[in-house]
N, C-alpha and C. Protein backbone atom coordinates (compact mmCIF):
# COMPACT_ATOMS: atom_id res chain seq x y z
N MET A 1 11.71 -0.12 -30.79
CA MET A 1 12.20 -0.64 -29.52
C MET A 1 11.03 -1.18 -28.70
N GLU A 2 11.18 -2.34 -28.15
CA GLU A 2 10.13 -2.97 -27.36
C GLU A 2 10.08 -2.36 -25.96
N SER A 3 8.87 -2.16 -25.45
CA SER A 3 8.73 -1.55 -24.13
C SER A 3 9.17 -2.54 -23.05
N PRO A 4 9.54 -2.01 -21.87
CA PRO A 4 9.95 -2.90 -20.77
C PRO A 4 8.83 -3.85 -20.34
N LEU A 5 7.58 -3.44 -20.55
CA LEU A 5 6.46 -4.28 -20.16
C LEU A 5 6.16 -5.38 -21.17
N ALA A 6 6.65 -5.24 -22.37
CA ALA A 6 6.31 -6.20 -23.42
C ALA A 6 6.61 -7.63 -23.01
N GLU A 7 7.73 -7.84 -22.38
CA GLU A 7 8.11 -9.20 -21.96
C GLU A 7 7.16 -9.74 -20.90
N ILE A 8 6.75 -8.88 -19.97
CA ILE A 8 5.81 -9.27 -18.93
C ILE A 8 4.45 -9.62 -19.55
N LEU A 9 4.04 -8.81 -20.51
CA LEU A 9 2.71 -8.95 -21.09
C LEU A 9 2.61 -10.04 -22.15
N LYS A 10 3.73 -10.43 -22.72
CA LYS A 10 3.73 -11.40 -23.83
C LYS A 10 2.92 -12.67 -23.55
N PRO A 11 3.07 -13.33 -22.41
CA PRO A 11 2.32 -14.57 -22.18
C PRO A 11 0.80 -14.36 -22.07
N PHE A 12 0.37 -13.13 -21.87
CA PHE A 12 -1.05 -12.84 -21.67
C PHE A 12 -1.75 -12.35 -22.94
N ARG A 13 -0.98 -12.10 -23.99
CA ARG A 13 -1.53 -11.53 -25.22
C ARG A 13 -2.67 -12.40 -25.75
N ASP A 14 -3.78 -11.73 -26.08
CA ASP A 14 -4.95 -12.37 -26.69
C ASP A 14 -5.61 -13.42 -25.81
N LYS A 15 -5.37 -13.38 -24.53
CA LYS A 15 -6.06 -14.31 -23.61
C LYS A 15 -7.18 -13.57 -22.90
N LYS A 16 -8.22 -14.28 -22.59
CA LYS A 16 -9.37 -13.71 -21.89
C LYS A 16 -9.27 -14.03 -20.40
N GLY A 17 -9.83 -13.15 -19.57
CA GLY A 17 -9.93 -13.41 -18.14
C GLY A 17 -8.62 -13.34 -17.38
N VAL A 18 -7.65 -12.60 -17.91
CA VAL A 18 -6.33 -12.54 -17.25
C VAL A 18 -6.02 -11.15 -16.69
N THR A 19 -7.01 -10.29 -16.67
CA THR A 19 -6.76 -8.89 -16.27
C THR A 19 -6.14 -8.80 -14.88
N ILE A 20 -6.71 -9.48 -13.90
CA ILE A 20 -6.17 -9.39 -12.54
C ILE A 20 -4.75 -9.94 -12.47
N ALA A 21 -4.52 -11.06 -13.13
CA ALA A 21 -3.17 -11.64 -13.13
C ALA A 21 -2.16 -10.69 -13.76
N VAL A 22 -2.56 -10.04 -14.84
CA VAL A 22 -1.66 -9.09 -15.50
C VAL A 22 -1.37 -7.91 -14.58
N LEU A 23 -2.42 -7.36 -13.98
CA LEU A 23 -2.23 -6.22 -13.07
C LEU A 23 -1.33 -6.59 -11.90
N GLN A 24 -1.53 -7.76 -11.35
CA GLN A 24 -0.67 -8.21 -10.24
C GLN A 24 0.77 -8.32 -10.68
N ARG A 25 0.99 -8.90 -11.84
CA ARG A 25 2.36 -9.11 -12.34
C ARG A 25 3.06 -7.77 -12.62
N VAL A 26 2.34 -6.85 -13.27
CA VAL A 26 2.92 -5.55 -13.58
C VAL A 26 3.20 -4.76 -12.30
N GLN A 27 2.26 -4.79 -11.37
CA GLN A 27 2.47 -4.08 -10.11
C GLN A 27 3.64 -4.68 -9.33
N GLU A 28 3.76 -5.99 -9.37
CA GLU A 28 4.90 -6.65 -8.71
C GLU A 28 6.21 -6.16 -9.30
N GLU A 29 6.23 -5.97 -10.60
CA GLU A 29 7.45 -5.54 -11.29
C GLU A 29 7.75 -4.05 -11.08
N LEU A 30 6.70 -3.21 -11.17
CA LEU A 30 6.90 -1.76 -11.12
C LEU A 30 6.66 -1.15 -9.75
N GLY A 31 5.97 -1.89 -8.88
CA GLY A 31 5.64 -1.36 -7.57
C GLY A 31 4.29 -0.66 -7.53
N TYR A 32 3.77 -0.30 -8.67
CA TYR A 32 2.45 0.33 -8.80
C TYR A 32 2.04 0.26 -10.27
N LEU A 33 0.88 0.81 -10.59
CA LEU A 33 0.36 0.74 -11.96
C LEU A 33 0.25 2.15 -12.55
N PRO A 34 1.33 2.63 -13.17
CA PRO A 34 1.29 3.97 -13.76
C PRO A 34 0.39 4.00 -15.00
N ARG A 35 -0.04 5.19 -15.37
CA ARG A 35 -0.94 5.37 -16.52
C ARG A 35 -0.38 4.72 -17.78
N GLU A 36 0.91 4.87 -18.03
CA GLU A 36 1.52 4.31 -19.23
C GLU A 36 1.39 2.79 -19.27
N ALA A 37 1.54 2.15 -18.10
CA ALA A 37 1.40 0.69 -18.03
C ALA A 37 -0.04 0.28 -18.29
N ILE A 38 -0.98 1.05 -17.74
CA ILE A 38 -2.39 0.74 -17.96
C ILE A 38 -2.74 0.84 -19.44
N ASP A 39 -2.20 1.86 -20.11
CA ASP A 39 -2.44 2.00 -21.55
C ASP A 39 -1.88 0.81 -22.32
N GLU A 40 -0.70 0.38 -21.94
CA GLU A 40 -0.09 -0.76 -22.64
C GLU A 40 -0.84 -2.07 -22.35
N ILE A 41 -1.28 -2.22 -21.12
CA ILE A 41 -2.10 -3.40 -20.78
C ILE A 41 -3.38 -3.38 -21.59
N SER A 42 -3.98 -2.22 -21.72
CA SER A 42 -5.21 -2.06 -22.50
C SER A 42 -5.01 -2.51 -23.94
N ARG A 43 -3.93 -2.07 -24.54
CA ARG A 43 -3.63 -2.46 -25.93
C ARG A 43 -3.37 -3.96 -26.04
N THR A 44 -2.61 -4.49 -25.10
CA THR A 44 -2.24 -5.90 -25.15
C THR A 44 -3.44 -6.82 -24.95
N LEU A 45 -4.29 -6.49 -23.98
CA LEU A 45 -5.44 -7.35 -23.68
C LEU A 45 -6.66 -7.02 -24.54
N ARG A 46 -6.55 -5.91 -25.27
CA ARG A 46 -7.66 -5.46 -26.12
C ARG A 46 -8.94 -5.22 -25.32
N ILE A 47 -8.74 -4.53 -24.19
CA ILE A 47 -9.88 -4.07 -23.40
C ILE A 47 -9.63 -2.60 -23.08
N SER A 48 -10.68 -1.87 -22.78
CA SER A 48 -10.53 -0.43 -22.57
C SER A 48 -9.78 -0.12 -21.27
N ALA A 49 -9.12 1.02 -21.29
CA ALA A 49 -8.43 1.47 -20.09
C ALA A 49 -9.44 1.70 -18.97
N SER A 50 -10.64 2.16 -19.30
CA SER A 50 -11.64 2.39 -18.26
C SER A 50 -12.05 1.07 -17.60
N GLU A 51 -12.09 -0.01 -18.36
CA GLU A 51 -12.39 -1.32 -17.77
C GLU A 51 -11.27 -1.75 -16.82
N ILE A 52 -10.05 -1.47 -17.21
CA ILE A 52 -8.91 -1.79 -16.34
C ILE A 52 -8.96 -0.95 -15.07
N TYR A 53 -9.27 0.34 -15.20
CA TYR A 53 -9.40 1.19 -14.01
C TYR A 53 -10.51 0.69 -13.10
N GLY A 54 -11.57 0.16 -13.69
CA GLY A 54 -12.65 -0.41 -12.89
C GLY A 54 -12.15 -1.54 -12.02
N VAL A 55 -11.29 -2.39 -12.57
CA VAL A 55 -10.71 -3.50 -11.80
C VAL A 55 -9.78 -2.95 -10.73
N ILE A 56 -8.94 -2.00 -11.12
CA ILE A 56 -7.96 -1.42 -10.18
C ILE A 56 -8.66 -0.78 -8.98
N THR A 57 -9.72 -0.05 -9.24
CA THR A 57 -10.39 0.66 -8.14
C THR A 57 -11.29 -0.26 -7.32
N PHE A 58 -11.68 -1.40 -7.87
CA PHE A 58 -12.51 -2.34 -7.12
C PHE A 58 -11.69 -3.10 -6.08
N TYR A 59 -10.47 -3.47 -6.44
CA TYR A 59 -9.62 -4.28 -5.55
C TYR A 59 -8.61 -3.40 -4.82
N ALA A 60 -8.59 -3.50 -3.50
CA ALA A 60 -7.70 -2.68 -2.68
C ALA A 60 -6.22 -2.99 -2.89
N GLN A 61 -5.90 -4.13 -3.46
CA GLN A 61 -4.50 -4.52 -3.62
C GLN A 61 -3.75 -3.70 -4.68
N PHE A 62 -4.49 -3.02 -5.56
CA PHE A 62 -3.85 -2.30 -6.65
C PHE A 62 -3.63 -0.84 -6.31
N ARG A 63 -2.48 -0.31 -6.80
CA ARG A 63 -2.11 1.07 -6.54
C ARG A 63 -1.75 1.76 -7.86
N THR A 64 -2.17 3.01 -7.99
CA THR A 64 -1.81 3.79 -9.17
C THR A 64 -0.78 4.87 -8.85
N VAL A 65 -0.32 4.88 -7.62
CA VAL A 65 0.75 5.80 -7.22
C VAL A 65 1.83 4.99 -6.51
N PRO A 66 3.07 5.41 -6.61
CA PRO A 66 4.14 4.66 -5.95
C PRO A 66 3.99 4.67 -4.44
N ARG A 67 4.50 3.64 -3.81
CA ARG A 67 4.52 3.55 -2.34
C ARG A 67 5.92 3.75 -1.83
N GLY A 68 5.99 4.10 -0.56
CA GLY A 68 7.28 4.23 0.08
C GLY A 68 7.94 2.87 0.27
N ARG A 69 9.22 2.88 0.60
CA ARG A 69 9.95 1.63 0.81
C ARG A 69 9.38 0.82 1.98
N HIS A 70 8.80 1.54 2.95
CA HIS A 70 8.20 0.89 4.11
C HIS A 70 6.74 1.31 4.21
N VAL A 71 5.87 0.35 4.43
CA VAL A 71 4.44 0.64 4.56
C VAL A 71 4.04 0.51 6.02
N VAL A 72 3.47 1.58 6.54
CA VAL A 72 2.98 1.63 7.92
C VAL A 72 1.47 1.49 7.86
N ARG A 73 0.95 0.48 8.55
CA ARG A 73 -0.50 0.27 8.61
C ARG A 73 -0.95 0.43 10.06
N VAL A 74 -1.86 1.36 10.27
CA VAL A 74 -2.41 1.57 11.60
C VAL A 74 -3.83 1.02 11.60
N CYS A 75 -4.12 0.19 12.59
CA CYS A 75 -5.42 -0.46 12.67
C CYS A 75 -6.49 0.50 13.14
N ARG A 76 -7.65 0.42 12.49
CA ARG A 76 -8.82 1.22 12.88
C ARG A 76 -9.96 0.32 13.34
N GLY A 77 -9.66 -0.93 13.61
CA GLY A 77 -10.69 -1.86 14.07
C GLY A 77 -11.27 -1.43 15.40
N THR A 78 -12.36 -2.08 15.78
CA THR A 78 -13.08 -1.70 16.99
C THR A 78 -12.19 -1.76 18.23
N ALA A 79 -11.48 -2.87 18.43
CA ALA A 79 -10.64 -3.00 19.63
C ALA A 79 -9.57 -1.91 19.66
N CYS A 80 -8.95 -1.66 18.51
CA CYS A 80 -7.91 -0.63 18.47
C CYS A 80 -8.50 0.76 18.68
N HIS A 81 -9.65 0.99 18.10
CA HIS A 81 -10.31 2.29 18.26
C HIS A 81 -10.64 2.55 19.73
N VAL A 82 -11.23 1.57 20.37
CA VAL A 82 -11.64 1.71 21.77
C VAL A 82 -10.44 1.93 22.68
N ARG A 83 -9.31 1.35 22.32
CA ARG A 83 -8.11 1.45 23.17
C ARG A 83 -7.15 2.56 22.76
N GLY A 84 -7.61 3.50 21.94
CA GLY A 84 -6.78 4.67 21.65
C GLY A 84 -6.09 4.68 20.31
N GLY A 85 -6.56 3.89 19.39
CA GLY A 85 -5.93 3.83 18.07
C GLY A 85 -5.94 5.15 17.32
N GLY A 86 -6.98 5.97 17.55
CA GLY A 86 -7.04 7.27 16.89
C GLY A 86 -5.88 8.17 17.29
N ALA A 87 -5.52 8.15 18.56
CA ALA A 87 -4.38 8.95 19.04
C ALA A 87 -3.07 8.42 18.47
N VAL A 88 -2.99 7.11 18.33
CA VAL A 88 -1.78 6.51 17.73
C VAL A 88 -1.66 6.96 16.27
N LEU A 89 -2.76 6.89 15.53
CA LEU A 89 -2.75 7.33 14.13
C LEU A 89 -2.34 8.79 14.04
N ASP A 90 -2.89 9.63 14.88
CA ASP A 90 -2.52 11.05 14.87
C ASP A 90 -1.03 11.23 15.11
N GLN A 91 -0.46 10.46 16.04
CA GLN A 91 0.97 10.57 16.33
C GLN A 91 1.81 10.09 15.15
N VAL A 92 1.40 8.99 14.53
CA VAL A 92 2.15 8.48 13.36
C VAL A 92 2.12 9.53 12.25
N LYS A 93 0.99 10.17 12.04
CA LYS A 93 0.90 11.23 11.03
C LYS A 93 1.90 12.34 11.35
N ARG A 94 1.97 12.72 12.61
CA ARG A 94 2.93 13.78 13.02
C ARG A 94 4.37 13.31 12.81
N GLU A 95 4.65 12.08 13.21
CA GLU A 95 6.01 11.55 13.07
C GLU A 95 6.47 11.55 11.61
N LEU A 96 5.57 11.15 10.72
CA LEU A 96 5.93 11.02 9.31
C LEU A 96 5.68 12.30 8.51
N GLY A 97 4.87 13.19 9.07
CA GLY A 97 4.56 14.43 8.36
C GLY A 97 3.66 14.21 7.15
N ILE A 98 2.84 13.17 7.19
CA ILE A 98 1.93 12.86 6.09
C ILE A 98 0.57 12.46 6.65
N ASP A 99 -0.39 12.38 5.75
CA ASP A 99 -1.73 11.95 6.12
C ASP A 99 -1.93 10.52 5.61
N GLU A 100 -3.10 9.96 5.89
CA GLU A 100 -3.41 8.61 5.42
C GLU A 100 -3.30 8.54 3.89
N ASN A 101 -2.82 7.41 3.42
CA ASN A 101 -2.69 7.15 1.98
C ASN A 101 -1.74 8.11 1.29
N GLU A 102 -0.76 8.59 2.02
CA GLU A 102 0.28 9.43 1.45
C GLU A 102 1.63 8.80 1.74
N SER A 103 2.63 9.26 1.00
CA SER A 103 4.00 8.80 1.20
C SER A 103 4.87 9.99 1.57
N THR A 104 5.91 9.71 2.34
CA THR A 104 6.84 10.78 2.70
C THR A 104 7.56 11.25 1.44
N GLU A 105 8.02 12.47 1.48
CA GLU A 105 8.69 13.06 0.32
C GLU A 105 9.87 12.21 -0.15
N ASP A 106 10.60 11.62 0.78
CA ASP A 106 11.77 10.81 0.42
C ASP A 106 11.38 9.38 0.03
N MET A 107 10.06 9.10 0.01
CA MET A 107 9.53 7.78 -0.35
C MET A 107 10.01 6.68 0.61
N GLU A 108 10.32 7.07 1.83
CA GLU A 108 10.72 6.10 2.84
C GLU A 108 9.49 5.37 3.40
N TYR A 109 8.40 6.12 3.64
CA TYR A 109 7.21 5.54 4.26
C TYR A 109 5.93 5.89 3.49
N THR A 110 5.00 4.95 3.51
CA THR A 110 3.62 5.18 3.09
C THR A 110 2.75 4.83 4.28
N LEU A 111 1.76 5.68 4.57
CA LEU A 111 0.87 5.47 5.71
C LEU A 111 -0.50 5.02 5.20
N GLU A 112 -0.95 3.89 5.72
CA GLU A 112 -2.27 3.36 5.39
C GLU A 112 -3.00 3.04 6.68
N THR A 113 -4.32 3.07 6.61
CA THR A 113 -5.11 2.56 7.72
C THR A 113 -5.83 1.32 7.22
N VAL A 114 -6.08 0.40 8.13
CA VAL A 114 -6.76 -0.84 7.77
C VAL A 114 -7.90 -1.08 8.76
N ALA A 115 -8.91 -1.81 8.30
CA ALA A 115 -10.07 -2.09 9.15
C ALA A 115 -9.70 -3.01 10.30
N CYS A 116 -8.77 -3.92 10.08
CA CYS A 116 -8.32 -4.84 11.13
C CYS A 116 -7.05 -5.51 10.67
N ILE A 117 -6.08 -5.63 11.57
CA ILE A 117 -4.87 -6.37 11.22
C ILE A 117 -4.85 -7.75 11.85
N GLY A 118 -5.91 -8.07 12.60
CA GLY A 118 -6.00 -9.40 13.19
C GLY A 118 -5.20 -9.58 14.46
N ALA A 119 -4.91 -8.49 15.13
CA ALA A 119 -4.14 -8.56 16.38
C ALA A 119 -4.92 -7.84 17.48
N CYS A 120 -6.20 -8.15 17.59
CA CYS A 120 -7.08 -7.43 18.52
C CYS A 120 -6.61 -7.52 19.97
N ALA A 121 -6.00 -8.63 20.35
CA ALA A 121 -5.51 -8.78 21.72
C ALA A 121 -4.36 -7.83 22.01
N LEU A 122 -3.73 -7.31 20.96
CA LEU A 122 -2.61 -6.38 21.11
C LEU A 122 -3.03 -4.92 20.95
N ALA A 123 -4.31 -4.67 20.84
CA ALA A 123 -4.81 -3.33 20.53
C ALA A 123 -4.33 -2.28 21.52
N PRO A 124 -4.07 -1.08 20.98
CA PRO A 124 -4.03 -0.69 19.58
C PRO A 124 -2.75 -1.19 18.92
N ALA A 125 -2.88 -1.52 17.65
CA ALA A 125 -1.77 -2.15 16.94
C ALA A 125 -1.46 -1.43 15.64
N MET A 126 -0.23 -1.59 15.21
CA MET A 126 0.19 -1.10 13.90
C MET A 126 1.24 -2.06 13.35
N VAL A 127 1.40 -2.02 12.05
CA VAL A 127 2.35 -2.88 11.37
C VAL A 127 3.24 -2.00 10.51
N ILE A 128 4.54 -2.26 10.56
CA ILE A 128 5.48 -1.62 9.64
C ILE A 128 6.11 -2.76 8.86
N ASP A 129 5.84 -2.76 7.57
CA ASP A 129 6.23 -3.88 6.70
C ASP A 129 5.65 -5.16 7.26
N GLU A 130 6.46 -6.05 7.78
CA GLU A 130 5.98 -7.32 8.33
C GLU A 130 6.05 -7.36 9.86
N ASP A 131 6.47 -6.26 10.48
CA ASP A 131 6.62 -6.22 11.93
C ASP A 131 5.37 -5.64 12.59
N THR A 132 4.77 -6.41 13.50
CA THR A 132 3.58 -5.98 14.21
C THR A 132 3.97 -5.41 15.56
N PHE A 133 3.38 -4.27 15.89
CA PHE A 133 3.62 -3.61 17.17
C PHE A 133 2.28 -3.54 17.91
N GLY A 134 2.27 -4.02 19.15
CA GLY A 134 1.04 -4.05 19.92
C GLY A 134 1.09 -3.13 21.12
N GLN A 135 -0.11 -2.86 21.66
CA GLN A 135 -0.29 -1.98 22.80
C GLN A 135 0.46 -0.66 22.57
N VAL A 136 0.27 -0.15 21.36
CA VAL A 136 0.96 1.08 20.95
C VAL A 136 0.25 2.28 21.56
N THR A 137 1.05 3.16 22.11
CA THR A 137 0.58 4.45 22.60
C THR A 137 1.21 5.50 21.69
N PRO A 138 0.77 6.74 21.77
CA PRO A 138 1.45 7.77 20.98
C PRO A 138 2.95 7.84 21.31
N GLY A 139 3.29 7.71 22.57
CA GLY A 139 4.70 7.73 22.96
C GLY A 139 5.48 6.56 22.39
N LYS A 140 4.87 5.38 22.43
CA LYS A 140 5.53 4.19 21.88
C LYS A 140 5.69 4.32 20.37
N ALA A 141 4.70 4.92 19.70
CA ALA A 141 4.81 5.15 18.25
C ALA A 141 6.01 6.04 17.96
N SER A 142 6.17 7.10 18.75
CA SER A 142 7.34 7.99 18.58
C SER A 142 8.63 7.22 18.79
N ASP A 143 8.67 6.40 19.84
CA ASP A 143 9.88 5.61 20.13
C ASP A 143 10.21 4.66 18.98
N ILE A 144 9.20 4.05 18.38
CA ILE A 144 9.42 3.12 17.26
C ILE A 144 10.09 3.84 16.10
N PHE A 145 9.58 5.02 15.77
CA PHE A 145 10.17 5.75 14.64
C PHE A 145 11.53 6.34 14.99
N MET A 146 11.73 6.74 16.24
CA MET A 146 13.06 7.22 16.65
C MET A 146 14.07 6.09 16.52
N ALA A 147 13.69 4.89 16.95
CA ALA A 147 14.61 3.73 16.85
C ALA A 147 14.90 3.41 15.39
N ARG A 148 13.91 3.51 14.54
CA ARG A 148 14.13 3.24 13.11
C ARG A 148 15.06 4.27 12.48
N ARG A 149 15.03 5.50 13.01
CA ARG A 149 15.92 6.55 12.49
C ARG A 149 17.28 6.51 13.18
N GLY A 150 17.43 5.62 14.17
CA GLY A 150 18.69 5.51 14.89
C GLY A 150 18.91 6.60 15.91
N GLU A 151 17.81 7.14 16.46
CA GLU A 151 17.91 8.25 17.42
C GLU A 151 17.79 7.80 18.86
N ASN A 152 17.94 6.51 19.16
CA ASN A 152 17.73 6.07 20.54
C ASN A 152 18.91 6.34 21.36
């Protein structure tokens, strides 16, 4: 029986210099890069799994653990930091019951921090999926999650 990844990997078989493209395609399909997929990519591309892990760990875009359905990014840039971003991050952690780079048990949310989201004028800022929230306070962070849970 052919593996589910075989169809994805078929166009890349025996090609050189396609590691990043393959990893992107597999992650797009699976949502992350599990060990089994890395092993299959290794066999298909005829490169070592350790070489693939080197690529995965070098680029921030790749994940080896599943993410929640919604990704929360809290900015740690200078403007956000100076305007209270640390307190916002602490509140988001409390709201979700997780730490940075973790996902909620129900896989609803993953919490990440970023160096800058490019919304310095809105500092402190956070992003949930594609929605940017500016001038966030700990109270506003709580309100955002209450509204998302339908508790308003």
